[in-house]
C-alpha cells in the first residue's frame, strides 16, 4: 500500500535510513506500486508489495551505501 508520509514507512526503513533516503524510498515505492499494479509487468512470482519494496531499496542504494559503521551514508 502506498505511503502518504515517511512516518508510515516500515520500522526497518525509518530506524536505519537518513531522512532524505527515507523520502527516496517512499517516492520510489509509491511509483513502483502504481507501475507494477498489473501482475504481467512483474518478474517471477513477486507480489506487488515485494516488487515495490525491491524497487524502493534499489533507488536508495543509488544514492546511499551502508558504511563500515553499519549506518547508511550518502555516496
N, C-alpha and C. Protein backbone atom coordinates (compact mmCIF):
# COMPACT_ATOMS: atom_id res chain seq x y z
N UNK A 1 0.84 -1.17 0.00
CA UNK A 1 0.00 0.00 0.00
C UNK A 1 0.89 1.25 0.00
N UNK A 2 0.58 2.24 -0.81
CA UNK A 2 1.41 3.45 -0.87
C UNK A 2 1.49 4.17 0.48
N UNK A 3 2.57 4.91 0.63
CA UNK A 3 2.81 5.66 1.87
C UNK A 3 2.52 7.14 1.64
N UNK A 4 1.77 7.74 2.55
CA UNK A 4 1.47 9.18 2.45
C UNK A 4 2.60 10.02 3.03
N UNK A 5 3.28 9.47 4.02
CA UNK A 5 4.37 10.21 4.66
C UNK A 5 5.44 9.23 5.13
N UNK A 6 6.62 9.75 5.44
CA UNK A 6 7.70 8.87 5.88
C UNK A 6 7.40 8.27 7.25
N UNK A 7 6.52 8.87 8.00
CA UNK A 7 6.17 8.30 9.31
C UNK A 7 5.44 6.96 9.17
N UNK A 8 4.91 6.67 8.00
CA UNK A 8 4.21 5.42 7.75
C UNK A 8 5.14 4.31 7.26
N UNK A 9 6.38 4.63 6.97
CA UNK A 9 7.31 3.64 6.45
C UNK A 9 7.57 2.54 7.48
N UNK A 10 7.96 1.36 7.02
CA UNK A 10 8.28 0.28 7.98
C UNK A 10 9.42 0.69 8.92
N UNK A 11 9.41 0.13 10.11
CA UNK A 11 10.44 0.44 11.10
C UNK A 11 11.85 0.24 10.56
N UNK A 12 12.05 -0.81 9.79
CA UNK A 12 13.38 -1.11 9.25
C UNK A 12 13.90 0.03 8.37
N UNK A 13 13.00 0.74 7.74
CA UNK A 13 13.38 1.88 6.90
C UNK A 13 13.58 3.11 7.77
N UNK A 14 12.60 3.43 8.60
CA UNK A 14 12.67 4.63 9.44
C UNK A 14 13.82 4.59 10.43
N UNK A 15 14.09 3.42 10.98
CA UNK A 15 15.11 3.31 12.02
C UNK A 15 16.53 3.27 11.48
N UNK A 16 16.68 3.05 10.18
CA UNK A 16 18.02 2.86 9.64
C UNK A 16 18.46 3.88 8.59
N UNK A 17 17.52 4.48 7.89
CA UNK A 17 17.90 5.40 6.82
C UNK A 17 17.81 6.86 7.24
N UNK A 18 18.72 7.69 6.73
CA UNK A 18 18.59 9.14 6.97
C UNK A 18 17.29 9.65 6.32
N UNK A 19 16.84 10.80 6.75
CA UNK A 19 15.56 11.33 6.28
C UNK A 19 15.48 11.41 4.76
N UNK A 20 16.51 11.93 4.11
CA UNK A 20 16.48 12.04 2.65
C UNK A 20 16.34 10.68 1.99
N UNK A 21 17.02 9.69 2.50
CA UNK A 21 16.92 8.34 1.96
C UNK A 21 15.52 7.77 2.19
N UNK A 22 14.90 8.11 3.30
CA UNK A 22 13.53 7.68 3.57
C UNK A 22 12.58 8.28 2.53
N UNK A 23 12.82 9.54 2.18
CA UNK A 23 11.99 10.20 1.17
C UNK A 23 12.16 9.53 -0.19
N UNK A 24 13.40 9.17 -0.52
CA UNK A 24 13.66 8.44 -1.77
C UNK A 24 12.91 7.12 -1.76
N UNK A 25 13.01 6.39 -0.66
CA UNK A 25 12.32 5.10 -0.53
C UNK A 25 10.82 5.28 -0.75
N UNK A 26 10.23 6.23 -0.07
CA UNK A 26 8.78 6.45 -0.16
C UNK A 26 8.36 6.76 -1.59
N UNK A 27 9.05 7.68 -2.23
CA UNK A 27 8.68 8.06 -3.60
C UNK A 27 8.86 6.90 -4.57
N UNK A 28 9.96 6.18 -4.45
CA UNK A 28 10.20 5.05 -5.34
C UNK A 28 9.18 3.94 -5.11
N UNK A 29 8.88 3.66 -3.85
CA UNK A 29 7.89 2.64 -3.53
C UNK A 29 6.54 3.01 -4.13
N UNK A 30 6.11 4.23 -3.90
CA UNK A 30 4.80 4.66 -4.39
C UNK A 30 4.73 4.60 -5.92
N UNK A 31 5.79 5.01 -6.57
CA UNK A 31 5.82 4.96 -8.03
C UNK A 31 5.75 3.51 -8.52
N UNK A 32 6.54 2.64 -7.92
CA UNK A 32 6.55 1.23 -8.31
C UNK A 32 5.21 0.57 -8.01
N UNK A 33 4.57 0.98 -6.93
CA UNK A 33 3.26 0.42 -6.58
C UNK A 33 2.28 0.63 -7.74
N UNK A 34 2.32 1.82 -8.31
CA UNK A 34 1.44 2.12 -9.44
C UNK A 34 1.93 1.44 -10.72
N UNK A 35 3.23 1.51 -10.96
CA UNK A 35 3.82 0.96 -12.17
C UNK A 35 3.59 -0.55 -12.31
N UNK A 36 3.67 -1.27 -11.21
CA UNK A 36 3.57 -2.72 -11.25
C UNK A 36 2.24 -3.26 -10.73
N UNK A 37 1.20 -2.46 -10.86
CA UNK A 37 -0.14 -2.91 -10.45
C UNK A 37 -0.57 -4.12 -11.29
N UNK A 38 -0.20 -4.09 -12.55
CA UNK A 38 -0.50 -5.20 -13.46
C UNK A 38 0.51 -6.32 -13.23
N UNK A 39 0.02 -7.46 -12.82
CA UNK A 39 0.89 -8.60 -12.49
C UNK A 39 1.80 -9.00 -13.64
N UNK A 40 1.37 -8.79 -14.86
CA UNK A 40 2.18 -9.19 -16.02
C UNK A 40 3.45 -8.34 -16.17
N UNK A 41 3.51 -7.21 -15.49
CA UNK A 41 4.70 -6.35 -15.56
C UNK A 41 5.76 -6.75 -14.54
N UNK A 42 5.41 -7.65 -13.61
CA UNK A 42 6.34 -8.06 -12.57
C UNK A 42 7.12 -9.29 -13.00
N UNK A 43 8.33 -9.42 -12.45
CA UNK A 43 9.15 -10.60 -12.72
C UNK A 43 8.82 -11.69 -11.72
N UNK A 44 8.85 -12.91 -12.18
CA UNK A 44 8.66 -14.05 -11.29
C UNK A 44 7.33 -14.01 -10.58
N UNK A 45 7.34 -14.50 -9.36
CA UNK A 45 6.11 -14.60 -8.56
C UNK A 45 6.01 -13.52 -7.48
N UNK A 46 6.84 -12.49 -7.59
CA UNK A 46 6.81 -11.44 -6.57
C UNK A 46 5.45 -10.74 -6.53
N UNK A 47 5.01 -10.44 -5.32
CA UNK A 47 3.77 -9.69 -5.15
C UNK A 47 4.02 -8.23 -5.52
N UNK A 48 2.96 -7.50 -5.62
CA UNK A 48 3.06 -6.06 -5.91
C UNK A 48 3.87 -5.36 -4.82
N UNK A 49 3.61 -5.72 -3.58
CA UNK A 49 4.32 -5.12 -2.45
C UNK A 49 5.81 -5.45 -2.49
N UNK A 50 6.13 -6.71 -2.73
CA UNK A 50 7.54 -7.14 -2.78
C UNK A 50 8.27 -6.43 -3.92
N UNK A 51 7.63 -6.32 -5.06
CA UNK A 51 8.23 -5.63 -6.20
C UNK A 51 8.49 -4.17 -5.85
N UNK A 52 7.53 -3.51 -5.24
CA UNK A 52 7.68 -2.09 -4.87
C UNK A 52 8.80 -1.92 -3.84
N UNK A 53 8.92 -2.86 -2.89
CA UNK A 53 10.00 -2.77 -1.90
C UNK A 53 11.36 -2.93 -2.55
N UNK A 54 11.47 -3.85 -3.49
CA UNK A 54 12.75 -4.05 -4.18
C UNK A 54 13.14 -2.81 -4.97
N UNK A 55 12.18 -2.22 -5.65
CA UNK A 55 12.45 -1.00 -6.42
C UNK A 55 12.88 0.13 -5.48
N UNK A 56 12.19 0.25 -4.36
CA UNK A 56 12.50 1.32 -3.40
C UNK A 56 13.91 1.16 -2.84
N UNK A 57 14.29 -0.06 -2.45
CA UNK A 57 15.64 -0.27 -1.92
C UNK A 57 16.69 -0.02 -2.99
N UNK A 58 16.39 -0.39 -4.21
CA UNK A 58 17.32 -0.15 -5.31
C UNK A 58 17.53 1.35 -5.50
N UNK A 59 16.46 2.12 -5.41
CA UNK A 59 16.56 3.57 -5.54
C UNK A 59 17.41 4.17 -4.41
N UNK A 60 17.21 3.69 -3.21
CA UNK A 60 18.00 4.17 -2.07
C UNK A 60 19.48 3.87 -2.30
N UNK A 61 19.78 2.66 -2.76
CA UNK A 61 21.16 2.24 -2.94
C UNK A 61 21.88 2.98 -4.06
N UNK A 62 21.13 3.69 -4.90
CA UNK A 62 21.77 4.51 -5.94
C UNK A 62 22.44 5.73 -5.32
N UNK A 63 21.90 6.22 -4.22
CA UNK A 63 22.45 7.42 -3.61
C UNK A 63 23.06 7.23 -2.23
N UNK A 64 22.86 6.06 -1.66
CA UNK A 64 23.33 5.78 -0.30
C UNK A 64 23.99 4.41 -0.24
N UNK A 65 24.92 4.27 0.68
CA UNK A 65 25.58 2.99 0.91
C UNK A 65 25.76 2.79 2.40
N UNK A 66 25.75 1.54 2.82
CA UNK A 66 25.97 1.21 4.22
C UNK A 66 27.46 1.24 4.49
N UNK A 67 27.87 2.01 5.49
CA UNK A 67 29.27 2.14 5.83
C UNK A 67 29.76 1.06 6.76
N UNK A 68 31.06 1.11 7.04
CA UNK A 68 31.66 0.15 7.98
C UNK A 68 31.03 0.25 9.37
N UNK A 69 30.43 1.40 9.66
CA UNK A 69 29.78 1.61 10.94
C UNK A 69 28.33 1.08 10.96
N UNK A 70 27.94 0.39 9.85
CA UNK A 70 26.61 -0.19 9.71
C UNK A 70 25.50 0.86 9.58
N UNK A 71 25.88 2.10 9.29
CA UNK A 71 24.91 3.18 9.08
C UNK A 71 24.90 3.55 7.61
N UNK A 72 23.77 4.06 7.12
CA UNK A 72 23.66 4.46 5.74
C UNK A 72 24.18 5.88 5.57
N UNK A 73 25.00 6.07 4.51
CA UNK A 73 25.62 7.38 4.23
C UNK A 73 25.44 7.70 2.75
N UNK A 74 25.29 8.99 2.46
CA UNK A 74 25.21 9.43 1.06
C UNK A 74 26.51 9.09 0.37
N UNK A 75 26.40 8.68 -0.88
CA UNK A 75 27.61 8.34 -1.65
C UNK A 75 28.33 9.60 -2.09
